[in-house]
């Protein structure tokens, strides 16, 4: 698992390290919140993940929508076409985490 705050050292090129890690990974987990539309770097990472997913042998893109209802969110282009998981409140987080892990273990249809 790659987590930028733990895997990128001080002084390293942030964009290059994230891009390299994403290319090596089999999947990208995207947390879509009300702030996603204003997050330049998150949008860049999503675009990279979706580009990787279009390649043969693909890359898995899993979305977790953090809201009462997905329609409340400005879901970025390309993610609406993929089935995602809805996280309505913190109490559901453990169950959603289990669903994410299960999805990552299952072969993509």
C-alpha atoms as a PDB file:
ATOM      1  CA  UNK A   1       0.000   0.000   0.000  1.00  0.00           C
ATOM      2  CA  UNK A   2       1.261   3.466  -0.905  1.00  0.00           C
ATOM      3  CA  UNK A   3       0.234   6.373   1.298  1.00  0.00           C
ATOM      4  CA  UNK A   4       1.843   9.629   0.265  1.00  0.00           C
ATOM      5  CA  UNK A   5       2.314  10.947   3.804  1.00  0.00           C
ATOM      6  CA  UNK A   6       4.269   7.796   4.720  1.00  0.00           C
ATOM      7  CA  UNK A   7       5.957   6.861   1.452  1.00  0.00           C
ATOM      8  CA  UNK A   8       7.329  10.143   0.106  1.00  0.00           C
ATOM      9  CA  UNK A   9      10.454  11.484   1.724  1.00  0.00           C
ATOM     10  CA  UNK A  10      11.245  15.127   2.320  1.00  0.00           C
ATOM     11  CA  UNK A  11      12.601  16.760  -0.821  1.00  0.00           C
ATOM     12  CA  UNK A  12      11.316  14.058  -3.176  1.00  0.00           C
ATOM     13  CA  UNK A  13       9.333  14.924  -6.298  1.00  0.00           C
ATOM     14  CA  UNK A  14       5.764  14.443  -5.100  1.00  0.00           C
ATOM     15  CA  UNK A  15       4.109  14.076  -8.519  1.00  0.00           C
ATOM     16  CA  UNK A  16       6.685  11.656  -9.896  1.00  0.00           C
ATOM     17  CA  UNK A  17       6.629   9.406  -6.813  1.00  0.00           C
ATOM     18  CA  UNK A  18       2.830   9.186  -6.798  1.00  0.00           C
ATOM     19  CA  UNK A  19       2.715   8.483 -10.534  1.00  0.00           C
ATOM     20  CA  UNK A  20       5.367   5.740 -10.225  1.00  0.00           C
ATOM     21  CA  UNK A  21       3.576   4.115  -7.290  1.00  0.00           C
ATOM     22  CA  UNK A  22       0.270   4.210  -9.109  1.00  0.00           C
ATOM     23  CA  UNK A  23       1.758   2.542 -12.199  1.00  0.00           C
ATOM     24  CA  UNK A  24       3.181  -0.275 -10.013  1.00  0.00           C
ATOM     25  CA  UNK A  25      -0.062  -0.782  -8.096  1.00  0.00           C
ATOM     26  CA  UNK A  26      -2.854  -3.073  -9.160  1.00  0.00           C
ATOM     27  CA  UNK A  27      -5.530  -0.671  -7.935  1.00  0.00           C
ATOM     28  CA  UNK A  28      -6.267   2.875  -6.861  1.00  0.00           C
ATOM     29  CA  UNK A  29      -8.761   3.606  -4.093  1.00  0.00           C
ATOM     30  CA  UNK A  30     -10.487   6.955  -4.619  1.00  0.00           C
ATOM     31  CA  UNK A  31     -12.281   8.682  -1.738  1.00  0.00           C
ATOM     32  CA  UNK A  32     -14.780  11.103  -3.272  1.00  0.00           C
ATOM     33  CA  UNK A  33     -15.956  13.860  -0.923  1.00  0.00           C
ATOM     34  CA  UNK A  34     -17.532  17.279  -1.268  1.00  0.00           C
ATOM     35  CA  UNK A  35     -13.960  18.658  -1.544  1.00  0.00           C
ATOM     36  CA  UNK A  36     -12.820  16.424  -4.399  1.00  0.00           C
ATOM     37  CA  UNK A  37     -13.697  18.912  -7.133  1.00  0.00           C
ATOM     38  CA  UNK A  38     -11.357  21.507  -5.618  1.00  0.00           C
ATOM     39  CA  UNK A  39      -8.438  19.087  -5.174  1.00  0.00           C
ATOM     40  CA  UNK A  40      -6.116  19.436  -8.172  1.00  0.00           C
ATOM     41  CA  UNK A  41      -3.768  16.636  -7.153  1.00  0.00           C
ATOM     42  CA  UNK A  42      -6.565  14.201  -6.368  1.00  0.00           C
ATOM     43  CA  UNK A  43      -8.099  14.877  -9.777  1.00  0.00           C
ATOM     44  CA  UNK A  44      -4.695  14.241 -11.391  1.00  0.00           C
ATOM     45  CA  UNK A  45      -4.372  10.922  -9.552  1.00  0.00           C
ATOM     46  CA  UNK A  46      -7.901   9.897 -10.602  1.00  0.00           C
ATOM     47  CA  UNK A  47      -7.152  10.743 -14.233  1.00  0.00           C
ATOM     48  CA  UNK A  48      -3.984   8.648 -14.016  1.00  0.00           C
ATOM     49  CA  UNK A  49      -5.860   5.731 -12.480  1.00  0.00           C
ATOM     50  CA  UNK A  50      -8.562   5.832 -15.143  1.00  0.00           C
ATOM     51  CA  UNK A  51      -5.933   5.978 -17.908  1.00  0.00           C
ATOM     52  CA  UNK A  52      -4.221   2.918 -16.411  1.00  0.00           C
ATOM     53  CA  UNK A  53      -7.599   1.148 -16.178  1.00  0.00           C
ATOM     54  CA  UNK A  54      -8.144   1.558 -19.923  1.00  0.00           C
ATOM     55  CA  UNK A  55      -4.958  -0.367 -20.730  1.00  0.00           C
ATOM     56  CA  UNK A  56      -5.046  -4.105 -21.453  1.00  0.00           C
ATOM     57  CA  UNK A  57      -4.650  -6.040 -18.235  1.00  0.00           C
ATOM     58  CA  UNK A  58      -5.910  -2.884 -16.586  1.00  0.00           C
ATOM     59  CA  UNK A  59      -5.741  -1.225 -13.278  1.00  0.00           C
ATOM     60  CA  UNK A  60      -8.603  -1.389 -10.829  1.00  0.00           C
ATOM     61  CA  UNK A  61     -10.265   1.857  -9.725  1.00  0.00           C
ATOM     62  CA  UNK A  62     -12.375   1.549  -6.580  1.00  0.00           C
ATOM     63  CA  UNK A  63     -14.450   4.526  -5.454  1.00  0.00           C
ATOM     64  CA  UNK A  64     -15.775   5.240  -1.989  1.00  0.00           C
ATOM     65  CA  UNK A  65     -18.324   8.060  -2.026  1.00  0.00           C
ATOM     66  CA  UNK A  66     -18.338   9.874   1.313  1.00  0.00           C
ATOM     67  CA  UNK A  67     -21.798  11.465   1.556  1.00  0.00           C
ATOM     68  CA  UNK A  68     -25.391  10.755   2.503  1.00  0.00           C
ATOM     69  CA  UNK A  69     -26.176  10.307  -1.194  1.00  0.00           C
ATOM     70  CA  UNK A  70     -23.895  10.131  -4.266  1.00  0.00           C
ATOM     71  CA  UNK A  71     -26.083  12.749  -5.969  1.00  0.00           C
ATOM     72  CA  UNK A  72     -24.828  15.293  -3.389  1.00  0.00           C
ATOM     73  CA  UNK A  73     -21.328  14.987  -4.832  1.00  0.00           C
ATOM     74  CA  UNK A  74     -19.743  16.435  -7.933  1.00  0.00           C
ATOM     75  CA  UNK A  75     -18.399  13.063  -9.056  1.00  0.00           C
ATOM     76  CA  UNK A  76     -15.420  13.474 -11.417  1.00  0.00           C
ATOM     77  CA  UNK A  77     -15.712  12.425 -15.041  1.00  0.00           C
ATOM     78  CA  UNK A  78     -15.150   8.703 -15.469  1.00  0.00           C
ATOM     79  CA  UNK A  79     -15.995   7.633 -11.924  1.00  0.00           C
ATOM     80  CA  UNK A  80     -19.780   7.686 -12.381  1.00  0.00           C
ATOM     81  CA  UNK A  81     -19.386   4.859 -14.889  1.00  0.00           C
ATOM     82  CA  UNK A  82     -17.864   2.608 -12.225  1.00  0.00           C
ATOM     83  CA  UNK A  83     -19.749   1.002  -9.393  1.00  0.00           C
ATOM     84  CA  UNK A  84     -18.617   2.444  -6.071  1.00  0.00           C
ATOM     85  CA  UNK A  85     -19.285   2.078  -2.369  1.00  0.00           C
ATOM     86  CA  UNK A  86     -21.289   4.656  -0.419  1.00  0.00           C
ATOM     87  CA  UNK A  87     -19.999   5.665   3.026  1.00  0.00           C
ATOM     88  CA  UNK A  88     -22.770   7.637   4.721  1.00  0.00           C
ATOM     89  CA  UNK A  89     -21.174   8.109   8.159  1.00  0.00           C
ATOM     90  CA  UNK A  90     -18.183   7.090  10.264  1.00  0.00           C
ATOM     91  CA  UNK A  91     -20.089   4.239  11.869  1.00  0.00           C
ATOM     92  CA  UNK A  92     -20.129   2.471   8.483  1.00  0.00           C
ATOM     93  CA  UNK A  93     -16.355   2.831   7.967  1.00  0.00           C
ATOM     94  CA  UNK A  94     -15.357  -0.633   9.264  1.00  0.00           C
ATOM     95  CA  UNK A  95     -17.961  -2.332   7.060  1.00  0.00           C
ATOM     96  CA  UNK A  96     -16.926  -0.257   4.030  1.00  0.00           C
ATOM     97  CA  UNK A  97     -13.262  -1.120   4.665  1.00  0.00           C
ATOM     98  CA  UNK A  98     -14.197  -4.815   4.631  1.00  0.00           C
ATOM     99  CA  UNK A  99     -16.097  -4.346   1.347  1.00  0.00           C
ATOM    100  CA  UNK A 100     -13.055  -2.635  -0.196  1.00  0.00           C
ATOM    101  CA  UNK A 101     -10.758  -5.472   0.884  1.00  0.00           C
ATOM    102  CA  UNK A 102     -13.208  -8.052  -0.462  1.00  0.00           C
ATOM    103  CA  UNK A 103     -13.429  -6.225  -3.785  1.00  0.00           C
ATOM    104  CA  UNK A 104      -9.638  -6.109  -4.081  1.00  0.00           C
ATOM    105  CA  UNK A 105      -9.397  -9.874  -3.520  1.00  0.00           C
ATOM    106  CA  UNK A 106     -12.031 -10.712  -6.145  1.00  0.00           C
ATOM    107  CA  UNK A 107     -11.035 -10.903  -9.796  1.00  0.00           C
ATOM    108  CA  UNK A 108     -12.479  -8.095 -11.877  1.00  0.00           C
ATOM    109  CA  UNK A 109     -15.370  -9.190 -14.071  1.00  0.00           C
END
